[in-house]
């Protein structure tokens, strides 16, 4: 557990998430990369029951529901889930989704004895006081032989980008600040450490992808929009290859739950 850190609830910031993250080129690339990775899984070859832990406003859950899957969408934030419900109603997808407001640590109370062929947990670990314990908890909801889709904020990429920006004092302070920006994860994770935690919990690695390997490093930020189509194509072409995969601002791991 990380000293002095508590789990984060974004009830008061739900609207800003839409404006500053989801409805931006950052969000579009993230969605494109995750959907490409997920749709290659045999677990999505036919309609399935899925669990999205910490799924926020449900962008990914809604897209999977539109493909015929039944998705349980969980989040600690009631405001986030209400946005997801409103959008599901607008898209005619309410029958494909169910909603559980709960912190990850208490989700077992709602899901006792249940497991799923695919569990999603994206951009959650970096906001938790004990991310390793969260991985152990996630294992109980993944069916034997099923897959955990785990995405987290990449500390190596965070350091790399800040060196490029010339934020040397910040890097030398181990990237800690007294007044953090509220939407910026302040506790990025080391990819190899997360992978070790996953193996200890009973997962094996199926694949690793970098999310936003190039987007955030463009010298001309206007090209993120003006050349978005070309940029997305290059992200999808190279983001499973090293060294690019390890430079993604987020790391996406696909993990198989080994039978006990």
C-alpha atoms as a PDB file:
ATOM      1  CA  UNK A   1       0.000   0.000   0.000  1.00  0.00           C
ATOM      2  CA  UNK A   2       1.230   3.490  -0.852  1.00  0.00           C
ATOM      3  CA  UNK A   3       1.527   5.696   2.242  1.00  0.00           C
ATOM      4  CA  UNK A   4      -0.868   8.626   2.495  1.00  0.00           C
ATOM      5  CA  UNK A   5      -2.874   7.669  -0.569  1.00  0.00           C
ATOM      6  CA  UNK A   6      -6.595   6.994  -0.599  1.00  0.00           C
ATOM      7  CA  UNK A   7      -8.751   5.676  -3.422  1.00  0.00           C
ATOM      8  CA  UNK A   8     -10.131   8.391  -5.710  1.00  0.00           C
ATOM      9  CA  UNK A   9     -13.812   9.064  -6.445  1.00  0.00           C
ATOM     10  CA  UNK A  10     -14.500  11.402  -9.391  1.00  0.00           C
ATOM     11  CA  UNK A  11     -18.103  12.353  -8.578  1.00  0.00           C
ATOM     12  CA  UNK A  12     -17.337  16.072  -8.658  1.00  0.00           C
ATOM     13  CA  UNK A  13     -15.316  15.847 -11.889  1.00  0.00           C
ATOM     14  CA  UNK A  14     -17.489  13.669 -14.135  1.00  0.00           C
ATOM     15  CA  UNK A  15     -18.220  16.487 -16.575  1.00  0.00           C
ATOM     16  CA  UNK A  16     -14.570  17.467 -16.851  1.00  0.00           C
ATOM     17  CA  UNK A  17     -13.642  13.889 -17.713  1.00  0.00           C
ATOM     18  CA  UNK A  18     -15.902  14.086 -20.755  1.00  0.00           C
ATOM     19  CA  UNK A  19     -14.476  17.406 -21.873  1.00  0.00           C
ATOM     20  CA  UNK A  20     -10.792  16.909 -21.114  1.00  0.00           C
ATOM     21  CA  UNK A  21     -10.253  13.199 -21.709  1.00  0.00           C
ATOM     22  CA  UNK A  22     -13.021  11.176 -23.326  1.00  0.00           C
ATOM     23  CA  UNK A  23     -13.966  13.697 -26.023  1.00  0.00           C
ATOM     24  CA  UNK A  24     -10.401  14.371 -27.149  1.00  0.00           C
ATOM     25  CA  UNK A  25      -7.923  12.746 -29.503  1.00  0.00           C
ATOM     26  CA  UNK A  26      -6.381  11.119 -26.408  1.00  0.00           C
ATOM     27  CA  UNK A  27      -9.671   9.412 -25.710  1.00  0.00           C
ATOM     28  CA  UNK A  28     -10.234   8.447 -29.346  1.00  0.00           C
ATOM     29  CA  UNK A  29      -6.858   6.725 -29.601  1.00  0.00           C
ATOM     30  CA  UNK A  30      -7.386   4.947 -26.301  1.00  0.00           C
ATOM     31  CA  UNK A  31     -10.761   3.656 -27.486  1.00  0.00           C
ATOM     32  CA  UNK A  32      -9.403   2.555 -30.856  1.00  0.00           C
ATOM     33  CA  UNK A  33      -6.465   0.686 -29.320  1.00  0.00           C
ATOM     34  CA  UNK A  34      -8.507  -1.081 -26.661  1.00  0.00           C
ATOM     35  CA  UNK A  35     -11.227  -2.139 -29.092  1.00  0.00           C
ATOM     36  CA  UNK A  36      -8.651  -3.482 -31.558  1.00  0.00           C
ATOM     37  CA  UNK A  37      -7.015  -5.549 -28.811  1.00  0.00           C
ATOM     38  CA  UNK A  38     -10.282  -6.817 -27.344  1.00  0.00           C
ATOM     39  CA  UNK A  39     -11.979  -7.757 -30.593  1.00  0.00           C
ATOM     40  CA  UNK A  40      -9.144 -10.149 -31.384  1.00  0.00           C
ATOM     41  CA  UNK A  41      -9.986 -12.227 -28.283  1.00  0.00           C
ATOM     42  CA  UNK A  42     -11.957 -15.467 -28.777  1.00  0.00           C
ATOM     43  CA  UNK A  43     -14.034 -14.470 -25.736  1.00  0.00           C
ATOM     44  CA  UNK A  44     -15.731 -11.810 -27.905  1.00  0.00           C
ATOM     45  CA  UNK A  45     -16.347 -14.050 -30.922  1.00  0.00           C
ATOM     46  CA  UNK A  46     -19.920 -14.606 -29.690  1.00  0.00           C
ATOM     47  CA  UNK A  47     -22.199 -12.682 -27.316  1.00  0.00           C
ATOM     48  CA  UNK A  48     -20.821 -12.978 -23.780  1.00  0.00           C
ATOM     49  CA  UNK A  49     -21.370 -11.638 -20.268  1.00  0.00           C
ATOM     50  CA  UNK A  50     -18.604  -9.155 -19.404  1.00  0.00           C
ATOM     51  CA  UNK A  51     -17.564  -7.166 -16.331  1.00  0.00           C
ATOM     52  CA  UNK A  52     -16.133  -3.636 -16.576  1.00  0.00           C
ATOM     53  CA  UNK A  53     -14.608  -2.616 -13.230  1.00  0.00           C
ATOM     54  CA  UNK A  54     -14.136   1.117 -12.725  1.00  0.00           C
ATOM     55  CA  UNK A  55     -15.623   1.682 -16.178  1.00  0.00           C
ATOM     56  CA  UNK A  56     -16.619   5.293 -15.538  1.00  0.00           C
ATOM     57  CA  UNK A  57     -18.968   6.754 -18.120  1.00  0.00           C
ATOM     58  CA  UNK A  58     -19.059   3.476 -20.007  1.00  0.00           C
ATOM     59  CA  UNK A  59     -17.575   4.405 -23.364  1.00  0.00           C
ATOM     60  CA  UNK A  60     -16.096   0.940 -23.833  1.00  0.00           C
ATOM     61  CA  UNK A  61     -19.006  -0.857 -22.169  1.00  0.00           C
ATOM     62  CA  UNK A  62     -21.486   0.853 -24.495  1.00  0.00           C
ATOM     63  CA  UNK A  63     -19.482  -0.072 -27.568  1.00  0.00           C
ATOM     64  CA  UNK A  64     -19.299  -3.713 -26.451  1.00  0.00           C
ATOM     65  CA  UNK A  65     -23.005  -3.735 -25.604  1.00  0.00           C
ATOM     66  CA  UNK A  66     -23.761  -2.460 -29.107  1.00  0.00           C
ATOM     67  CA  UNK A  67     -21.995  -5.574 -30.416  1.00  0.00           C
ATOM     68  CA  UNK A  68     -24.417  -7.804 -28.519  1.00  0.00           C
ATOM     69  CA  UNK A  69     -22.585  -8.438 -25.257  1.00  0.00           C
ATOM     70  CA  UNK A  70     -24.151  -8.184 -21.801  1.00  0.00           C
ATOM     71  CA  UNK A  71     -21.996  -5.835 -19.735  1.00  0.00           C
ATOM     72  CA  UNK A  72     -21.957  -5.267 -15.987  1.00  0.00           C
ATOM     73  CA  UNK A  73     -20.628  -1.730 -15.567  1.00  0.00           C
ATOM     74  CA  UNK A  74     -19.153  -0.872 -12.185  1.00  0.00           C
ATOM     75  CA  UNK A  75     -17.810   2.390 -10.825  1.00  0.00           C
ATOM     76  CA  UNK A  76     -17.380   4.065  -7.455  1.00  0.00           C
ATOM     77  CA  UNK A  77     -18.883   7.278  -8.854  1.00  0.00           C
ATOM     78  CA  UNK A  78     -22.641   7.587  -9.071  1.00  0.00           C
ATOM     79  CA  UNK A  79     -22.290  10.617 -11.369  1.00  0.00           C
ATOM     80  CA  UNK A  80     -20.184   8.635 -13.819  1.00  0.00           C
ATOM     81  CA  UNK A  81     -22.703   5.799 -13.882  1.00  0.00           C
ATOM     82  CA  UNK A  82     -25.612   8.191 -14.386  1.00  0.00           C
ATOM     83  CA  UNK A  83     -23.908   9.570 -17.489  1.00  0.00           C
ATOM     84  CA  UNK A  84     -23.478   5.995 -18.731  1.00  0.00           C
ATOM     85  CA  UNK A  85     -27.149   5.191 -18.069  1.00  0.00           C
ATOM     86  CA  UNK A  86     -28.302   8.306 -19.921  1.00  0.00           C
ATOM     87  CA  UNK A  87     -26.181   7.400 -22.933  1.00  0.00           C
ATOM     88  CA  UNK A  88     -27.303   3.768 -22.842  1.00  0.00           C
ATOM     89  CA  UNK A  89     -30.918   4.935 -22.914  1.00  0.00           C
ATOM     90  CA  UNK A  90     -30.199   7.267 -25.830  1.00  0.00           C
ATOM     91  CA  UNK A  91     -28.572   4.415 -27.780  1.00  0.00           C
ATOM     92  CA  UNK A  92     -31.271   1.863 -26.941  1.00  0.00           C
ATOM     93  CA  UNK A  93     -28.805  -0.303 -25.007  1.00  0.00           C
ATOM     94  CA  UNK A  94     -30.233  -0.348 -21.477  1.00  0.00           C
ATOM     95  CA  UNK A  95     -31.228  -4.002 -21.824  1.00  0.00           C
ATOM     96  CA  UNK A  96     -27.602  -4.898 -22.553  1.00  0.00           C
ATOM     97  CA  UNK A  97     -26.167  -3.245 -19.433  1.00  0.00           C
ATOM     98  CA  UNK A  98     -26.459  -3.470 -15.675  1.00  0.00           C
ATOM     99  CA  UNK A  99     -24.905  -0.989 -13.254  1.00  0.00           C
ATOM    100  CA  UNK A 100     -23.219  -1.438  -9.874  1.00  0.00           C
ATOM    101  CA  UNK A 101     -22.034   1.547  -7.840  1.00  0.00           C
ATOM    102  CA  UNK A 102     -19.326   0.249  -5.534  1.00  0.00           C
ATOM    103  CA  UNK A 103     -15.613   0.587  -4.834  1.00  0.00           C
ATOM    104  CA  UNK A 104     -13.616  -2.289  -6.243  1.00  0.00           C
ATOM    105  CA  UNK A 105     -12.799  -3.530  -2.756  1.00  0.00           C
ATOM    106  CA  UNK A 106     -16.505  -4.080  -1.950  1.00  0.00           C
ATOM    107  CA  UNK A 107     -17.596  -5.406  -5.322  1.00  0.00           C
ATOM    108  CA  UNK A 108     -17.458  -8.996  -4.085  1.00  0.00           C
ATOM    109  CA  UNK A 109     -20.581  -8.242  -2.043  1.00  0.00           C
ATOM    110  CA  UNK A 110     -22.504  -7.745  -5.295  1.00  0.00           C
ATOM    111  CA  UNK A 111     -20.779 -10.442  -7.341  1.00  0.00           C
ATOM    112  CA  UNK A 112     -20.383 -13.301  -4.879  1.00  0.00           C
ATOM    113  CA  UNK A 113     -19.711 -16.518  -6.766  1.00  0.00           C
ATOM    114  CA  UNK A 114     -19.860 -14.902 -10.215  1.00  0.00           C
ATOM    115  CA  UNK A 115     -17.133 -14.923 -12.835  1.00  0.00           C
ATOM    116  CA  UNK A 116     -16.816 -13.777 -16.425  1.00  0.00           C
ATOM    117  CA  UNK A 117     -14.872 -14.835 -19.537  1.00  0.00           C
ATOM    118  CA  UNK A 118     -13.616 -11.248 -19.863  1.00  0.00           C
ATOM    119  CA  UNK A 119     -13.068  -8.646 -17.140  1.00  0.00           C
ATOM    120  CA  UNK A 120     -11.995  -5.091 -17.949  1.00  0.00           C
ATOM    121  CA  UNK A 121     -10.143  -2.768 -15.586  1.00  0.00           C
ATOM    122  CA  UNK A 122      -8.797   0.317 -17.306  1.00  0.00           C
ATOM    123  CA  UNK A 123      -7.150   3.415 -15.782  1.00  0.00           C
ATOM    124  CA  UNK A 124      -8.056   2.367 -12.253  1.00  0.00           C
ATOM    125  CA  UNK A 125      -4.902   1.021 -10.571  1.00  0.00           C
ATOM    126  CA  UNK A 126      -3.096   4.374 -10.583  1.00  0.00           C
ATOM    127  CA  UNK A 127      -5.869   5.884  -8.437  1.00  0.00           C
ATOM    128  CA  UNK A 128      -5.886   3.152  -5.759  1.00  0.00           C
ATOM    129  CA  UNK A 129      -4.089   3.028  -2.422  1.00  0.00           C
ATOM    130  CA  UNK A 130      -3.229  -0.667  -2.897  1.00  0.00           C
ATOM    131  CA  UNK A 131      -3.096  -1.587  -6.603  1.00  0.00           C
ATOM    132  CA  UNK A 132      -1.541  -4.992  -5.970  1.00  0.00           C
ATOM    133  CA  UNK A 133      -4.468  -6.030  -3.769  1.00  0.00           C
ATOM    134  CA  UNK A 134      -6.834  -4.853  -6.513  1.00  0.00           C
ATOM    135  CA  UNK A 135      -5.255  -7.281  -8.994  1.00  0.00           C
ATOM    136  CA  UNK A 136      -5.755 -10.137  -6.532  1.00  0.00           C
ATOM    137  CA  UNK A 137      -9.389  -9.083  -6.134  1.00  0.00           C
ATOM    138  CA  UNK A 138      -9.930  -8.952  -9.894  1.00  0.00           C
ATOM    139  CA  UNK A 139      -8.747 -12.550 -10.260  1.00  0.00           C
ATOM    140  CA  UNK A 140     -11.832 -13.882  -8.441  1.00  0.00           C
ATOM    141  CA  UNK A 141     -14.150 -12.542 -11.157  1.00  0.00           C
ATOM    142  CA  UNK A 142     -12.245 -13.937 -14.135  1.00  0.00           C
ATOM    143  CA  UNK A 143     -13.387 -17.408 -15.156  1.00  0.00           C
ATOM    144  CA  UNK A 144     -10.637 -20.059 -15.345  1.00  0.00           C
ATOM    145  CA  UNK A 145      -9.008 -19.623 -18.732  1.00  0.00           C
ATOM    146  CA  UNK A 146     -10.700 -16.238 -19.086  1.00  0.00           C
ATOM    147  CA  UNK A 147      -8.990 -12.915 -19.727  1.00  0.00           C
ATOM    148  CA  UNK A 148      -8.327  -9.787 -17.691  1.00  0.00           C
ATOM    149  CA  UNK A 149      -7.881  -6.624 -19.753  1.00  0.00           C
ATOM    150  CA  UNK A 150      -5.771  -4.359 -17.546  1.00  0.00           C
ATOM    151  CA  UNK A 151      -4.676  -0.840 -18.501  1.00  0.00           C
ATOM    152  CA  UNK A 152      -2.691   1.487 -16.232  1.00  0.00           C
ATOM    153  CA  UNK A 153      -0.680   4.716 -16.308  1.00  0.00           C
ATOM    154  CA  UNK A 154       2.935   3.965 -17.258  1.00  0.00           C
ATOM    155  CA  UNK A 155       5.580   5.496 -14.990  1.00  0.00           C
ATOM    156  CA  UNK A 156       8.441   5.020 -17.463  1.00  0.00           C
ATOM    157  CA  UNK A 157       6.545   6.935 -20.149  1.00  0.00           C
ATOM    158  CA  UNK A 158       5.571   9.616 -17.640  1.00  0.00           C
ATOM    159  CA  UNK A 159       9.236  10.116 -16.773  1.00  0.00           C
ATOM    160  CA  UNK A 160      10.302  10.062 -20.433  1.00  0.00           C
ATOM    161  CA  UNK A 161       7.759  12.694 -21.464  1.00  0.00           C
ATOM    162  CA  UNK A 162       8.668  15.034 -18.623  1.00  0.00           C
ATOM    163  CA  UNK A 163      12.363  14.826 -19.488  1.00  0.00           C
ATOM    164  CA  UNK A 164      11.462  15.715 -23.076  1.00  0.00           C
ATOM    165  CA  UNK A 165       9.445  18.690 -21.805  1.00  0.00           C
ATOM    166  CA  UNK A 166      12.409  19.859 -19.712  1.00  0.00           C
ATOM    167  CA  UNK A 167      10.712  19.293 -16.343  1.00  0.00           C
ATOM    168  CA  UNK A 168      13.971  18.262 -14.724  1.00  0.00           C
ATOM    169  CA  UNK A 169      13.170  19.349 -11.155  1.00  0.00           C
ATOM    170  CA  UNK A 170       9.906  17.434 -11.300  1.00  0.00           C
ATOM    171  CA  UNK A 171      11.665  14.287 -12.535  1.00  0.00           C
ATOM    172  CA  UNK A 172      14.375  14.611  -9.875  1.00  0.00           C
ATOM    173  CA  UNK A 173      11.603  14.833  -7.250  1.00  0.00           C
ATOM    174  CA  UNK A 174      10.371  11.424  -8.488  1.00  0.00           C
ATOM    175  CA  UNK A 175       7.508  13.245 -10.214  1.00  0.00           C
ATOM    176  CA  UNK A 176       5.783  14.294  -7.003  1.00  0.00           C
ATOM    177  CA  UNK A 177       4.111  17.684  -6.605  1.00  0.00           C
ATOM    178  CA  UNK A 178       2.430  19.452  -3.701  1.00  0.00           C
ATOM    179  CA  UNK A 179      -0.611  20.517  -5.740  1.00  0.00           C
ATOM    180  CA  UNK A 180      -1.363  17.821  -8.339  1.00  0.00           C
ATOM    181  CA  UNK A 181      -3.633  18.452 -11.314  1.00  0.00           C
ATOM    182  CA  UNK A 182      -6.841  16.669 -10.351  1.00  0.00           C
ATOM    183  CA  UNK A 183      -7.338  14.755 -13.608  1.00  0.00           C
ATOM    184  CA  UNK A 184      -3.692  13.748 -13.964  1.00  0.00           C
ATOM    185  CA  UNK A 185      -2.747  10.435 -12.307  1.00  0.00           C
ATOM    186  CA  UNK A 186      -0.124  11.206  -9.689  1.00  0.00           C
ATOM    187  CA  UNK A 187       0.867   7.604  -8.973  1.00  0.00           C
ATOM    188  CA  UNK A 188       1.922   5.959 -12.266  1.00  0.00           C
ATOM    189  CA  UNK A 189       2.982   2.346 -12.111  1.00  0.00           C
ATOM    190  CA  UNK A 190       6.091   0.479 -13.214  1.00  0.00           C
ATOM    191  CA  UNK A 191       5.067  -2.026 -15.868  1.00  0.00           C
ATOM    192  CA  UNK A 192       7.357  -4.847 -14.717  1.00  0.00           C
ATOM    193  CA  UNK A 193       6.116  -4.509 -11.140  1.00  0.00           C
ATOM    194  CA  UNK A 194       2.495  -4.720 -12.273  1.00  0.00           C
ATOM    195  CA  UNK A 195       3.282  -7.780 -14.369  1.00  0.00           C
ATOM    196  CA  UNK A 196       4.935  -9.418 -11.343  1.00  0.00           C
ATOM    197  CA  UNK A 197       1.791  -8.729  -9.278  1.00  0.00           C
ATOM    198  CA  UNK A 198      -0.340 -10.264 -12.009  1.00  0.00           C
ATOM    199  CA  UNK A 199       1.756 -13.424 -12.113  1.00  0.00           C
ATOM    200  CA  UNK A 200       1.625 -13.713  -8.336  1.00  0.00           C
ATOM    201  CA  UNK A 201      -2.172 -13.446  -8.528  1.00  0.00           C
ATOM    202  CA  UNK A 202      -2.356 -16.342 -10.998  1.00  0.00           C
ATOM    203  CA  UNK A 203      -2.319 -14.668 -14.416  1.00  0.00           C
ATOM    204  CA  UNK A 204      -0.109 -15.316 -17.431  1.00  0.00           C
ATOM    205  CA  UNK A 205       0.658 -12.672 -20.043  1.00  0.00           C
ATOM    206  CA  UNK A 206      -1.063 -12.949 -23.418  1.00  0.00           C
ATOM    207  CA  UNK A 207      -0.019  -9.598 -24.851  1.00  0.00           C
ATOM    208  CA  UNK A 208       1.203  -6.070 -24.150  1.00  0.00           C
ATOM    209  CA  UNK A 209       0.228  -2.902 -26.000  1.00  0.00           C
ATOM    210  CA  UNK A 210       1.234   0.710 -25.557  1.00  0.00           C
ATOM    211  CA  UNK A 211      -1.585   3.265 -25.573  1.00  0.00           C
ATOM    212  CA  UNK A 212      -0.589   6.666 -26.999  1.00  0.00           C
ATOM    213  CA  UNK A 213       2.965   5.756 -27.955  1.00  0.00           C
ATOM    214  CA  UNK A 214       3.321   8.787 -30.253  1.00  0.00           C
ATOM    215  CA  UNK A 215       0.337  11.081 -29.735  1.00  0.00           C
ATOM    216  CA  UNK A 216       1.594  12.825 -26.593  1.00  0.00           C
ATOM    217  CA  UNK A 217       5.125  13.345 -27.905  1.00  0.00           C
ATOM    218  CA  UNK A 218       4.284  15.312 -31.060  1.00  0.00           C
ATOM    219  CA  UNK A 219       6.197  18.588 -31.212  1.00  0.00           C
ATOM    220  CA  UNK A 220       3.315  20.224 -33.010  1.00  0.00           C
ATOM    221  CA  UNK A 221       0.290  19.478 -30.803  1.00  0.00           C
ATOM    222  CA  UNK A 222      -2.081  20.750 -33.500  1.00  0.00           C
ATOM    223  CA  UNK A 223      -1.231  17.635 -35.525  1.00  0.00           C
ATOM    224  CA  UNK A 224      -3.052  15.560 -32.900  1.00  0.00           C
ATOM    225  CA  UNK A 225      -6.218  16.821 -34.567  1.00  0.00           C
ATOM    226  CA  UNK A 226      -5.148  17.872 -38.060  1.00  0.00           C
ATOM    227  CA  UNK A 227      -3.419  14.526 -38.745  1.00  0.00           C
ATOM    228  CA  UNK A 228      -5.451  12.317 -36.443  1.00  0.00           C
ATOM    229  CA  UNK A 229      -6.237   9.605 -39.013  1.00  0.00           C
ATOM    230  CA  UNK A 230      -2.566   9.116 -39.877  1.00  0.00           C
ATOM    231  CA  UNK A 231      -1.591   9.218 -36.217  1.00  0.00           C
ATOM    232  CA  UNK A 232      -4.115   6.569 -35.173  1.00  0.00           C
ATOM    233  CA  UNK A 233      -2.973   4.297 -38.002  1.00  0.00           C
ATOM    234  CA  UNK A 234       0.651   4.564 -36.856  1.00  0.00           C
ATOM    235  CA  UNK A 235      -0.297   3.924 -33.235  1.00  0.00           C
ATOM    236  CA  UNK A 236      -2.103   0.737 -34.239  1.00  0.00           C
ATOM    237  CA  UNK A 237       0.741  -0.341 -36.514  1.00  0.00           C
ATOM    238  CA  UNK A 238       3.581  -0.012 -33.990  1.00  0.00           C
ATOM    239  CA  UNK A 239       2.137  -0.065 -30.470  1.00  0.00           C
ATOM    240  CA  UNK A 240       2.757  -3.770 -29.885  1.00  0.00           C
ATOM    241  CA  UNK A 241       6.384  -3.516 -30.980  1.00  0.00           C
ATOM    242  CA  UNK A 242       9.267  -2.562 -28.729  1.00  0.00           C
ATOM    243  CA  UNK A 243      10.517  -0.028 -27.906  1.00  0.00           C
ATOM    244  CA  UNK A 244       7.250   1.743 -28.754  1.00  0.00           C
ATOM    245  CA  UNK A 245       5.025  -0.510 -26.635  1.00  0.00           C
ATOM    246  CA  UNK A 246       6.916   0.531 -23.509  1.00  0.00           C
ATOM    247  CA  UNK A 247       6.635   4.242 -24.378  1.00  0.00           C
ATOM    248  CA  UNK A 248       2.830   4.327 -24.341  1.00  0.00           C
ATOM    249  CA  UNK A 249       1.440   6.711 -21.744  1.00  0.00           C
ATOM    250  CA  UNK A 250      -0.705   3.780 -20.695  1.00  0.00           C
ATOM    251  CA  UNK A 251       0.159   0.086 -20.792  1.00  0.00           C
ATOM    252  CA  UNK A 252      -2.506  -2.427 -21.798  1.00  0.00           C
ATOM    253  CA  UNK A 253      -1.975  -6.002 -20.662  1.00  0.00           C
ATOM    254  CA  UNK A 254      -4.107  -8.961 -21.712  1.00  0.00           C
ATOM    255  CA  UNK A 255      -3.807 -11.631 -19.042  1.00  0.00           C
ATOM    256  CA  UNK A 256      -5.069 -15.212 -18.901  1.00  0.00           C
ATOM    257  CA  UNK A 257      -6.453 -16.467 -15.599  1.00  0.00           C
ATOM    258  CA  UNK A 258      -4.758 -19.772 -14.902  1.00  0.00           C
ATOM    259  CA  UNK A 259      -6.948 -22.445 -13.287  1.00  0.00           C
ATOM    260  CA  UNK A 260      -6.243 -22.961  -9.592  1.00  0.00           C
END
